[in-house]
Amino acid sequence: AFTNTHIGGGQLKRPIFEHKDPMQIDAGSGILVEGATDLAITGNTFTGLDTAAVKATSGAAKLLISSNLLTECGRKLPRDSKWIDLGDAKSSLVKDNLGTE
């Protein structure tokens, strides 16, 4: 699972957003695919993330993103941002994810 201390309904178990030690901040992030190829991301849970659940940069190709559960992702992104953003990834498929924005 990729998450912060999300417990559902927009609530956090440990709501720390500022701290002198960055490791204490309650921020979750997803998967960043930097130019990788031949990759499957399946069967994961992404909840309460500040970022997209999956984001690919240029050069990524042959990605399969399927059968994942997404809830309250992209909290620090613009409202219309995709939770699964493959950009210009070639020969890739996003299918059967629940909660995808």
N, C-alpha and C. Protein backbone atom coordinates (compact mmCIF):
# COMPACT_ATOMS: atom_id res chain seq x y z
N ALA A 1 0.84 -1.19 0.00
CA ALA A 1 0.00 0.00 0.00
C ALA A 1 0.88 1.24 0.00
N PHE A 2 0.41 2.26 -0.67
CA PHE A 2 1.08 3.55 -0.72
C PHE A 2 0.13 4.53 -0.04
N THR A 3 0.54 5.07 1.11
CA THR A 3 -0.38 5.89 1.89
C THR A 3 0.36 6.77 2.89
N ASN A 4 -0.39 7.66 3.49
CA ASN A 4 0.08 8.38 4.67
C ASN A 4 -0.66 7.77 5.84
N THR A 5 -1.05 8.54 6.83
CA THR A 5 -1.81 7.97 7.94
C THR A 5 -3.32 8.11 7.70
N HIS A 6 -3.72 8.07 6.46
CA HIS A 6 -5.11 8.17 6.04
C HIS A 6 -5.95 7.08 6.70
N ILE A 7 -7.07 7.47 7.35
CA ILE A 7 -7.95 6.49 7.97
C ILE A 7 -9.37 6.57 7.39
N GLY A 8 -9.52 7.27 6.28
CA GLY A 8 -10.82 7.36 5.61
C GLY A 8 -11.56 8.64 5.92
N GLY A 9 -12.46 8.99 5.02
CA GLY A 9 -13.27 10.19 5.23
C GLY A 9 -12.49 11.47 5.32
N GLY A 10 -11.33 11.53 4.68
CA GLY A 10 -10.50 12.73 4.73
C GLY A 10 -9.79 12.94 6.05
N GLN A 11 -9.78 11.94 6.92
CA GLN A 11 -9.14 12.07 8.23
C GLN A 11 -7.78 11.38 8.26
N LEU A 12 -6.88 11.94 9.08
CA LEU A 12 -5.55 11.37 9.27
C LEU A 12 -5.37 10.97 10.73
N LYS A 13 -4.67 9.88 10.96
CA LYS A 13 -4.39 9.46 12.33
C LYS A 13 -3.38 10.41 12.98
N ARG A 14 -2.38 10.85 12.22
CA ARG A 14 -1.35 11.76 12.72
C ARG A 14 -1.23 12.96 11.78
N PRO A 15 -2.09 13.97 11.94
CA PRO A 15 -2.11 15.11 11.00
C PRO A 15 -0.98 16.12 11.24
N ILE A 16 0.22 15.77 10.83
CA ILE A 16 1.36 16.68 10.95
C ILE A 16 1.73 17.17 9.56
N PHE A 17 1.56 18.47 9.31
CA PHE A 17 1.82 19.02 7.98
C PHE A 17 3.09 19.88 7.93
N GLU A 18 3.57 20.30 9.10
CA GLU A 18 4.80 21.08 9.18
C GLU A 18 5.62 20.57 10.37
N HIS A 19 6.92 20.44 10.15
CA HIS A 19 7.80 19.97 11.23
C HIS A 19 9.23 20.26 10.81
N LYS A 20 10.11 20.53 11.77
CA LYS A 20 11.50 20.80 11.42
C LYS A 20 12.19 19.57 10.83
N ASP A 21 11.72 18.39 11.19
CA ASP A 21 12.24 17.13 10.63
C ASP A 21 11.28 16.68 9.53
N PRO A 22 11.66 16.77 8.25
CA PRO A 22 10.75 16.42 7.14
C PRO A 22 10.19 15.00 7.23
N MET A 23 10.89 14.09 7.90
CA MET A 23 10.40 12.72 8.01
C MET A 23 9.18 12.61 8.93
N GLN A 24 8.89 13.65 9.70
CA GLN A 24 7.73 13.65 10.58
C GLN A 24 6.46 14.15 9.90
N ILE A 25 6.60 14.78 8.73
CA ILE A 25 5.45 15.32 8.02
C ILE A 25 4.63 14.18 7.44
N ASP A 26 3.32 14.26 7.62
CA ASP A 26 2.42 13.21 7.16
C ASP A 26 2.11 13.41 5.67
N ALA A 27 3.01 12.93 4.84
CA ALA A 27 2.84 13.04 3.40
C ALA A 27 3.08 11.69 2.76
N GLY A 28 2.15 11.27 1.94
CA GLY A 28 2.33 10.02 1.21
C GLY A 28 2.54 10.34 -0.26
N SER A 29 3.26 9.49 -0.94
CA SER A 29 3.46 9.69 -2.38
C SER A 29 3.31 8.36 -3.10
N GLY A 30 3.05 8.46 -4.38
CA GLY A 30 2.83 7.27 -5.20
C GLY A 30 4.11 6.79 -5.88
N ILE A 31 3.95 6.27 -7.08
CA ILE A 31 5.05 5.71 -7.84
C ILE A 31 5.43 6.66 -8.97
N LEU A 32 6.71 7.01 -9.06
CA LEU A 32 7.23 7.83 -10.15
C LEU A 32 8.02 6.91 -11.08
N VAL A 33 7.59 6.82 -12.32
CA VAL A 33 8.25 5.98 -13.31
C VAL A 33 9.07 6.91 -14.20
N GLU A 34 10.38 6.85 -14.07
CA GLU A 34 11.26 7.74 -14.81
C GLU A 34 11.90 7.01 -15.99
N GLY A 35 11.20 7.01 -17.12
CA GLY A 35 11.74 6.45 -18.34
C GLY A 35 11.83 4.93 -18.37
N ALA A 36 11.21 4.25 -17.44
CA ALA A 36 11.27 2.78 -17.41
C ALA A 36 10.38 2.16 -18.48
N THR A 37 10.67 0.92 -18.84
CA THR A 37 9.85 0.19 -19.79
C THR A 37 9.52 -1.19 -19.24
N ASP A 38 8.49 -1.81 -19.83
CA ASP A 38 8.10 -3.18 -19.49
C ASP A 38 7.80 -3.33 -17.99
N LEU A 39 6.84 -2.55 -17.52
CA LEU A 39 6.54 -2.47 -16.10
C LEU A 39 5.05 -2.67 -15.85
N ALA A 40 4.70 -3.51 -14.87
CA ALA A 40 3.30 -3.70 -14.46
C ALA A 40 3.13 -3.20 -13.03
N ILE A 41 2.12 -2.36 -12.82
CA ILE A 41 1.77 -1.88 -11.49
C ILE A 41 0.33 -2.34 -11.27
N THR A 42 0.16 -3.41 -10.50
CA THR A 42 -1.16 -4.01 -10.33
C THR A 42 -1.41 -4.39 -8.88
N GLY A 43 -2.68 -4.32 -8.49
CA GLY A 43 -3.09 -4.81 -7.18
C GLY A 43 -2.63 -4.00 -6.00
N ASN A 44 -2.42 -2.71 -6.18
CA ASN A 44 -1.96 -1.85 -5.08
C ASN A 44 -3.10 -1.01 -4.53
N THR A 45 -2.91 -0.48 -3.33
CA THR A 45 -3.82 0.48 -2.73
C THR A 45 -3.08 1.80 -2.58
N PHE A 46 -3.66 2.86 -3.13
CA PHE A 46 -3.10 4.21 -3.04
C PHE A 46 -4.11 5.08 -2.31
N THR A 47 -3.78 5.56 -1.10
CA THR A 47 -4.73 6.39 -0.34
C THR A 47 -4.05 7.58 0.31
N GLY A 48 -4.75 8.70 0.34
CA GLY A 48 -4.28 9.89 1.04
C GLY A 48 -2.96 10.44 0.55
N LEU A 49 -2.73 10.41 -0.76
CA LEU A 49 -1.44 10.85 -1.31
C LEU A 49 -1.46 12.33 -1.69
N ASP A 50 -0.34 13.00 -1.47
CA ASP A 50 -0.18 14.38 -1.93
C ASP A 50 0.04 14.41 -3.44
N THR A 51 0.59 13.34 -3.99
CA THR A 51 0.95 13.25 -5.39
C THR A 51 -0.05 12.38 -6.15
N ALA A 52 0.22 12.20 -7.44
CA ALA A 52 -0.53 11.22 -8.22
C ALA A 52 -0.18 9.82 -7.72
N ALA A 53 -1.05 8.87 -7.93
CA ALA A 53 -0.76 7.49 -7.54
C ALA A 53 0.38 6.94 -8.40
N VAL A 54 0.30 7.19 -9.72
CA VAL A 54 1.34 6.77 -10.66
C VAL A 54 1.58 7.91 -11.63
N LYS A 55 2.82 8.29 -11.79
CA LYS A 55 3.20 9.32 -12.76
C LYS A 55 4.41 8.85 -13.54
N ALA A 56 4.31 8.95 -14.87
CA ALA A 56 5.42 8.54 -15.73
C ALA A 56 6.03 9.76 -16.41
N THR A 57 7.34 9.75 -16.56
CA THR A 57 8.04 10.81 -17.28
C THR A 57 8.32 10.35 -18.70
N SER A 58 8.82 11.26 -19.51
CA SER A 58 9.08 10.91 -20.91
C SER A 58 10.06 9.75 -21.02
N GLY A 59 9.86 8.96 -22.05
CA GLY A 59 10.70 7.79 -22.26
C GLY A 59 10.11 6.52 -21.70
N ALA A 60 9.09 6.63 -20.86
CA ALA A 60 8.44 5.44 -20.32
C ALA A 60 7.62 4.76 -21.42
N ALA A 61 7.60 3.44 -21.42
CA ALA A 61 6.85 2.70 -22.43
C ALA A 61 6.50 1.31 -21.91
N LYS A 62 5.49 0.74 -22.54
CA LYS A 62 5.01 -0.61 -22.20
C LYS A 62 4.70 -0.74 -20.71
N LEU A 63 3.83 0.16 -20.24
CA LEU A 63 3.40 0.15 -18.84
C LEU A 63 1.98 -0.42 -18.76
N LEU A 64 1.74 -1.26 -17.79
CA LEU A 64 0.40 -1.78 -17.51
C LEU A 64 0.03 -1.36 -16.10
N ILE A 65 -1.01 -0.53 -15.98
CA ILE A 65 -1.48 -0.05 -14.69
C ILE A 65 -2.90 -0.58 -14.54
N SER A 66 -3.09 -1.59 -13.71
CA SER A 66 -4.38 -2.28 -13.67
C SER A 66 -4.71 -2.78 -12.26
N SER A 67 -6.02 -2.81 -11.97
CA SER A 67 -6.55 -3.44 -10.75
C SER A 67 -6.01 -2.83 -9.46
N ASN A 68 -5.88 -1.51 -9.45
CA ASN A 68 -5.45 -0.79 -8.26
C ASN A 68 -6.64 -0.08 -7.63
N LEU A 69 -6.58 0.20 -6.33
CA LEU A 69 -7.60 0.94 -5.61
C LEU A 69 -7.03 2.31 -5.24
N LEU A 70 -7.75 3.39 -5.64
CA LEU A 70 -7.27 4.74 -5.39
C LEU A 70 -8.31 5.54 -4.62
N THR A 71 -7.88 6.20 -3.54
CA THR A 71 -8.76 7.04 -2.73
C THR A 71 -8.00 8.27 -2.27
N GLU A 72 -8.58 9.44 -2.47
CA GLU A 72 -8.02 10.71 -2.01
C GLU A 72 -6.56 10.89 -2.41
N CYS A 73 -6.27 10.72 -3.68
CA CYS A 73 -4.91 10.95 -4.20
C CYS A 73 -4.80 12.37 -4.77
N GLY A 74 -3.58 12.81 -5.01
CA GLY A 74 -3.34 14.11 -5.63
C GLY A 74 -3.80 15.29 -4.80
N ARG A 75 -3.72 15.20 -3.49
CA ARG A 75 -4.24 16.26 -2.62
C ARG A 75 -3.53 17.60 -2.80
N LYS A 76 -2.28 17.59 -3.23
CA LYS A 76 -1.55 18.85 -3.41
C LYS A 76 -1.39 19.20 -4.89
N LEU A 77 -2.12 18.51 -5.74
CA LEU A 77 -2.09 18.78 -7.18
C LEU A 77 -3.29 19.64 -7.56
N PRO A 78 -3.23 20.32 -8.71
CA PRO A 78 -4.42 21.05 -9.17
C PRO A 78 -5.63 20.12 -9.25
N ARG A 79 -6.80 20.64 -8.99
CA ARG A 79 -8.03 19.85 -8.86
C ARG A 79 -8.30 18.91 -10.04
N ASP A 80 -7.98 19.28 -11.23
CA ASP A 80 -8.29 18.46 -12.41
C ASP A 80 -7.15 17.51 -12.80
N SER A 81 -6.17 17.34 -11.95
CA SER A 81 -5.04 16.45 -12.25
C SER A 81 -5.46 14.99 -12.23
N LYS A 82 -4.84 14.19 -13.08
CA LYS A 82 -5.11 12.76 -13.11
C LYS A 82 -4.36 12.07 -11.98
N TRP A 83 -4.99 11.07 -11.39
CA TRP A 83 -4.33 10.29 -10.33
C TRP A 83 -3.38 9.26 -10.93
N ILE A 84 -3.65 8.85 -12.16
CA ILE A 84 -2.73 8.02 -12.92
C ILE A 84 -2.37 8.81 -14.16
N ASP A 85 -1.15 9.30 -14.23
CA ASP A 85 -0.71 10.18 -15.31
C ASP A 85 0.49 9.56 -16.01
N LEU A 86 0.24 8.97 -17.15
CA LEU A 86 1.32 8.33 -17.89
C LEU A 86 1.95 9.25 -18.92
N GLY A 87 1.48 10.50 -18.97
CA GLY A 87 2.08 11.45 -19.91
C GLY A 87 2.06 10.91 -21.32
N ASP A 88 3.22 10.86 -21.95
CA ASP A 88 3.31 10.38 -23.34
C ASP A 88 3.87 8.96 -23.43
N ALA A 89 3.70 8.17 -22.39
CA ALA A 89 4.21 6.79 -22.39
C ALA A 89 3.63 6.02 -23.58
N LYS A 90 4.47 5.38 -24.33
CA LYS A 90 4.08 4.63 -25.53
C LYS A 90 3.63 3.22 -25.17
N SER A 91 2.73 2.67 -25.97
CA SER A 91 2.28 1.28 -25.85
C SER A 91 1.93 0.91 -24.41
N SER A 92 1.13 1.74 -23.76
CA SER A 92 0.78 1.53 -22.36
C SER A 92 -0.72 1.42 -22.18
N LEU A 93 -1.14 0.78 -21.07
CA LEU A 93 -2.55 0.54 -20.82
C LEU A 93 -2.89 0.81 -19.37
N VAL A 94 -3.95 1.61 -19.15
CA VAL A 94 -4.51 1.86 -17.83
C VAL A 94 -5.90 1.26 -17.86
N LYS A 95 -6.16 0.25 -16.98
CA LYS A 95 -7.43 -0.48 -17.06
C LYS A 95 -7.86 -1.02 -15.70
N ASP A 96 -9.17 -0.98 -15.46
CA ASP A 96 -9.79 -1.64 -14.29
C ASP A 96 -9.26 -1.18 -12.95
N ASN A 97 -8.97 0.11 -12.81
CA ASN A 97 -8.60 0.67 -11.52
C ASN A 97 -9.86 1.27 -10.89
N LEU A 98 -10.02 1.13 -9.58
CA LEU A 98 -11.18 1.69 -8.89
C LEU A 98 -10.83 3.01 -8.23
N GLY A 99 -11.67 4.03 -8.45
CA GLY A 99 -11.46 5.32 -7.82
C GLY A 99 -10.59 6.26 -8.65
N THR A 100 -10.29 5.90 -9.88
CA THR A 100 -9.41 6.72 -10.72
C THR A 100 -10.05 8.05 -11.04
N GLU A 101 -9.32 9.13 -10.82
CA GLU A 101 -9.78 10.47 -11.21
C GLU A 101 -9.19 10.78 -12.56
